[in-house]
C-alpha atoms as a PDB file:
ATOM      1  CA  MET A   1      -1.968  -1.398  -2.650  1.00  0.00           C
ATOM      2  CA  ASN A   2       0.151  -1.535  -5.972  1.00  0.00           C
ATOM      3  CA  PHE A   3       1.594  -4.071  -8.037  1.00  0.00           C
ATOM      4  CA  GLU A   4       5.138  -4.146  -7.209  1.00  0.00           C
ATOM      5  CA  GLN A   5       4.342  -4.430  -3.641  1.00  0.00           C
ATOM      6  CA  VAL A   6       1.836  -7.545  -4.351  1.00  0.00           C
ATOM      7  CA  LEU A   7       4.235  -9.242  -6.734  1.00  0.00           C
ATOM      8  CA  ASN A   8       7.227  -8.593  -4.284  1.00  0.00           C
ATOM      9  CA  PHE A   9       5.095 -10.513  -1.286  1.00  0.00           C
ATOM     10  CA  ILE A  10       3.761 -13.068  -3.876  1.00  0.00           C
ATOM     11  CA  ASP A  11       7.480 -13.903  -4.973  1.00  0.00           C
ATOM     12  CA  HIS A  12       8.244 -13.812  -1.506  1.00  0.00           C
ATOM     13  CA  LEU A  13       5.530 -16.261  -0.494  1.00  0.00           C
ATOM     14  CA  ILE A  14       6.486 -18.510  -3.606  1.00  0.00           C
ATOM     15  CA  PHE A  15      10.253 -18.896  -2.340  1.00  0.00           C
ATOM     16  CA  MET A  16       9.327 -19.623   0.890  1.00  0.00           C
ATOM     17  CA  LYS A  17       6.927 -22.448  -0.488  1.00  0.00           C
ATOM     18  CA  THR A  18       9.231 -23.724  -3.367  1.00  0.00           C
ATOM     19  CA  GLY A  19      12.484 -22.271  -2.977  1.00  0.00           C
ATOM     20  CA  LYS A  20      12.530 -20.554  -6.024  1.00  0.00           C
ATOM     21  CA  HIS A  21      11.535 -17.163  -7.146  1.00  0.00           C
ATOM     22  CA  LEU A  22       9.118 -16.219  -9.671  1.00  0.00           C
ATOM     23  CA  SER A  23       9.994 -16.553 -13.500  1.00  0.00           C
ATOM     24  CA  ASN A  24      10.255 -13.638 -15.613  1.00  0.00           C
ATOM     25  CA  VAL A  25       7.442 -15.282 -17.649  1.00  0.00           C
ATOM     26  CA  GLN A  26       5.555 -15.819 -14.606  1.00  0.00           C
ATOM     27  CA  GLN A  27       5.858 -12.104 -13.496  1.00  0.00           C
ATOM     28  CA  LEU A  28       4.452 -11.074 -16.938  1.00  0.00           C
ATOM     29  CA  VAL A  29       1.525 -13.005 -16.444  1.00  0.00           C
ATOM     30  CA  LEU A  30       0.704 -12.112 -12.613  1.00  0.00           C
ATOM     31  CA  GLU A  31       1.462  -8.301 -14.164  1.00  0.00           C
ATOM     32  CA  ALA A  32      -1.071  -8.664 -17.315  1.00  0.00           C
ATOM     33  CA  ALA A  33      -3.734 -10.643 -14.858  1.00  0.00           C
ATOM     34  CA  TRP A  34      -3.631  -8.214 -12.378  1.00  0.00           C
ATOM     35  CA  LEU A  35      -3.960  -4.901 -14.662  1.00  0.00           C
ATOM     36  CA  GLU A  36      -5.863  -6.496 -17.373  1.00  0.00           C
ATOM     37  CA  PRO A  37      -7.320 -10.027 -16.936  1.00  0.00           C
ATOM     38  CA  ARG A  38      -9.301 -10.558 -20.324  1.00  0.00           C
ATOM     39  CA  HIS A  39      -6.244  -9.983 -22.653  1.00  0.00           C
ATOM     40  CA  CYS A  40      -3.502 -11.400 -20.454  1.00  0.00           C
ATOM     41  CA  TYR A  41      -2.050 -14.196 -22.465  1.00  0.00           C
ATOM     42  CA  GLU A  42      -2.307 -12.232 -25.804  1.00  0.00           C
ATOM     43  CA  LYS A  43      -0.826  -8.984 -24.146  1.00  0.00           C
ATOM     44  CA  ILE A  44       2.325 -11.435 -23.169  1.00  0.00           C
ATOM     45  CA  ALA A  45       2.154 -13.450 -26.916  1.00  0.00           C
ATOM     46  CA  GLN A  46       2.897 -10.030 -28.195  1.00  0.00           C
ATOM     47  CA  GLN A  47       6.295  -9.994 -26.156  1.00  0.00           C
ATOM     48  CA  GLY A  48       7.253 -13.326 -28.298  1.00  0.00           C
ATOM     49  CA  TYR A  49       5.473 -16.192 -26.083  1.00  0.00           C
ATOM     50  CA  SER A  50       3.691 -18.881 -27.599  1.00  0.00           C
ATOM     51  CA  SER A  51      -0.163 -18.009 -26.658  1.00  0.00           C
ATOM     52  CA  SER A  52      -0.677 -22.039 -26.113  1.00  0.00           C
ATOM     53  CA  TYR A  53       2.604 -22.297 -24.096  1.00  0.00           C
ATOM     54  CA  LEU A  54       1.126 -19.507 -21.625  1.00  0.00           C
ATOM     55  CA  LYS A  55      -2.170 -20.883 -21.654  1.00  0.00           C
ATOM     56  CA  GLN A  56      -1.574 -24.561 -21.297  1.00  0.00           C
ATOM     57  CA  ASP A  57       1.637 -24.488 -19.003  1.00  0.00           C
ATOM     58  CA  VAL A  58       2.652 -21.410 -17.426  1.00  0.00           C
ATOM     59  CA  GLY A  59      -0.770 -20.079 -16.469  1.00  0.00           C
ATOM     60  CA  PRO A  60      -2.252 -23.199 -14.988  1.00  0.00           C
ATOM     61  CA  LYS A  61       0.707 -24.222 -13.171  1.00  0.00           C
ATOM     62  CA  LEU A  62       0.987 -20.598 -11.519  1.00  0.00           C
ATOM     63  CA  TRP A  63      -2.499 -20.495 -10.781  1.00  0.00           C
ATOM     64  CA  ARG A  64      -2.225 -24.046  -9.090  1.00  0.00           C
ATOM     65  CA  LEU A  65       0.747 -22.933  -7.265  1.00  0.00           C
ATOM     66  CA  LEU A  66      -0.940 -19.477  -5.934  1.00  0.00           C
ATOM     67  CA  SER A  67      -4.324 -21.557  -5.091  1.00  0.00           C
ATOM     68  CA  ASP A  68      -2.186 -24.036  -2.998  1.00  0.00           C
ATOM     69  CA  ILE A  69      -0.450 -21.344  -1.035  1.00  0.00           C
ATOM     70  CA  PHE A  70      -3.683 -18.938  -0.445  1.00  0.00           C
ATOM     71  CA  GLY A  71      -5.708 -22.278   0.092  1.00  0.00           C
ATOM     72  CA  GLU A  72      -8.682 -20.934  -2.311  1.00  0.00           C
ATOM     73  CA  LYS A  73      -8.971 -21.326  -5.780  1.00  0.00           C
ATOM     74  CA  ILE A  74      -6.859 -18.536  -8.095  1.00  0.00           C
ATOM     75  CA  LYS A  75      -7.262 -17.708 -11.526  1.00  0.00           C
ATOM     76  CA  LYS A  76      -6.367 -15.108 -13.894  1.00  0.00           C
ATOM     77  CA  ASN A  77     -10.017 -13.454 -13.819  1.00  0.00           C
ATOM     78  CA  ASN A  78     -10.200 -13.351  -9.792  1.00  0.00           C
ATOM     79  CA  LEU A  79      -6.658 -13.011  -9.032  1.00  0.00           C
ATOM     80  CA  ARG A  80      -6.978  -9.074  -8.202  1.00  0.00           C
ATOM     81  CA  ALA A  81      -9.900  -9.302  -5.671  1.00  0.00           C
ATOM     82  CA  THR A  82      -9.124 -12.627  -4.466  1.00  0.00           C
ATOM     83  CA  VAL A  83      -5.464 -11.741  -3.611  1.00  0.00           C
ATOM     84  CA  GLU A  84      -6.556  -8.304  -2.086  1.00  0.00           C
ATOM     85  CA  ARG A  85      -8.992  -9.773  -0.114  1.00  0.00           C
ATOM     86  CA  LEU A  86      -7.227 -12.381   0.895  1.00  0.00           C
ATOM     87  CA  LEU A  87      -4.040 -10.518   2.058  1.00  0.00           C
ATOM     88  CA  VAL A  88      -5.956  -7.921   3.876  1.00  0.00           C
ATOM     89  CA  SER A  89      -8.415 -10.860   5.909  1.00  0.00           C
ATOM     90  CA  ARG A  90      -5.645 -13.398   6.246  1.00  0.00           C
ATOM     91  CA  TYR A  91      -2.727 -10.959   7.108  1.00  0.00           C
ATOM     92  CA  GLY A  92      -4.917  -8.562   8.870  1.00  0.00           C
ATOM     93  CA  ARG A  93      -2.269  -5.687   9.431  1.00  0.00           C
ATOM     94  CA  PHE A  94      -1.636  -6.047   5.768  1.00  0.00           C
ATOM     95  CA  HIS A  95      -0.058  -2.889   4.947  1.00  0.00           C
ATOM     96  CA  ASN A  96       2.133  -2.775   8.047  1.00  0.00           C
ATOM     97  CA  GLU A  97       3.591  -6.235   7.511  1.00  0.00           C
ATOM     98  CA  ILE A  98       4.256  -5.879   3.618  1.00  0.00           C
ATOM     99  CA  ASN A  99       5.973  -2.610   4.733  1.00  0.00           C
ATOM    100  CA  THR A 100       8.195  -4.050   7.403  1.00  0.00           C
ATOM    101  CA  TRP A 101       9.228  -6.860   4.804  1.00  0.00           C
ATOM    102  CA  MET A 102       9.432  -4.443   2.168  1.00  0.00           C
ATOM    103  CA  LEU A 103      11.773  -2.198   4.526  1.00  0.00           C
ATOM    104  CA  GLY A 104      13.792  -5.327   5.348  1.00  0.00           C
ATOM    105  CA  GLN A 105      14.541  -6.476   1.625  1.00  0.00           C
ATOM    106  CA  GLY A 106      16.152  -3.029   1.380  1.00  0.00           C
ATOM    107  CA  LYS A 107      13.139  -2.011  -1.104  1.00  0.00           C
ATOM    108  CA  ARG A 108      11.499   1.711  -0.869  1.00  0.00           C
ATOM    109  CA  ILE A 109       7.888   1.757   0.328  1.00  0.00           C
END
């Protein structure tokens, strides 16, 4: 499963819970945590965001929200493994469901 699919699915789950889509900075945090968790905040800080803003505000709020949605503690260091495991186990036919959902959103699979 590629990051864009996971990002779209997480955005959909967050929208269903909060009525809001992921912000640009939340998307950046998710992408950095997915690809390089050890350097997540430092990488984003290079794009003009304050490291303390990311570490003390955006990150913790995002991890709490995802933990609430998935019912399991999510952190930047366990994001990928936990989300992949939960999506496959909880949503069973994850690939079919996400593909169906993405087709409904007009996204190319």
